Amino acid sequence: MFIAYGMKLSGNCYKLHLALEQLQLPYRWVEIDSMHGATRTPEYLALNANGKVPLLGIESGKYLPESNAILCYLAADSALLPNDRYERAQVLQWMFFEQYSHEPYIAVARMINAFLPADDSRRADLPRLRERGNQALAVMEQHLATRSYFVGERYSVADIALYAYTHCATDGGFDLASYPAIGQWLARVAAQPSHVLLGS
C-alpha cells in the first residue's frame, strides 16, 4: 500500500490524490500541514530533505517527492501514460510546461490571493503573476482549441498535472470565462471516472 503525504488543499498534492483514485491504487493519506511548518520537522525532513509535499511512500525506506515524478511513477503501465515514445515525450513536455510556465504563476497567485492576509506585502506581486499566468492559459487555450486532451486525444497525466491548478485558477483572480476551450476541457476532466474534488 502506498502512503501519500500531502495537504489536500494543495494543487500539487491534489494531482497525487486524483491519480491514486482514478488508478484505483491502495493508499493511506497522511495530511501534512505545510503552511504551518509540518514539512520542516526533523521527522519529515528525514523522508524528504527538500521539505515539501507531496511525497509518496512506496515501500519501507523508499520515498518519491515531486508531484509530476509521482504521477509518472503511478501511471506507468496504465492508460494514463502513453506507450508510444513520441506521445510519452509530449506528456512530459506538458508536465514541464506546468511546472515552469504555469504553476509558478497560477498556483502562487492562488496562494497569495486566497490564503494570505489582505495586508500581506506579497499581494504586490499579483499583477505580475496574473500577467504571466494568463500567458500560460493562452498557450493552453490555443492548444485545446483543436483537441479534447493535451496528448493523443486521450486523458493522461498531462491533463491531471494541468487540471490541478487550472480548475481553481479563479482563486488567484484569473477569469477562466475568457478561455472557452479550457472550460470545455475542464468539464471533460471533471467527468472522468473516479474524479475527486480538491480538498476532499
Foldseek 3Di string as FASTA:
>chain_A
DKEKEEALQALLSVLVVQLCQLVVPDYHYDYADLVVPRLVDPVNCVQPVVSDDTKMDDDVPDIDHDSLVSQCVSCPPHPQADPDPVLNVQLVVLLVCCVPQACVQLVVLLCCQQPNDPPDPCVVCLVVSQVSNVVSLVVVLVQLVPELDRTDNDHHSSLSSNLSRVVVSVSSVDDCVVRVSVVNSNVVVCPRPSGDDRPD
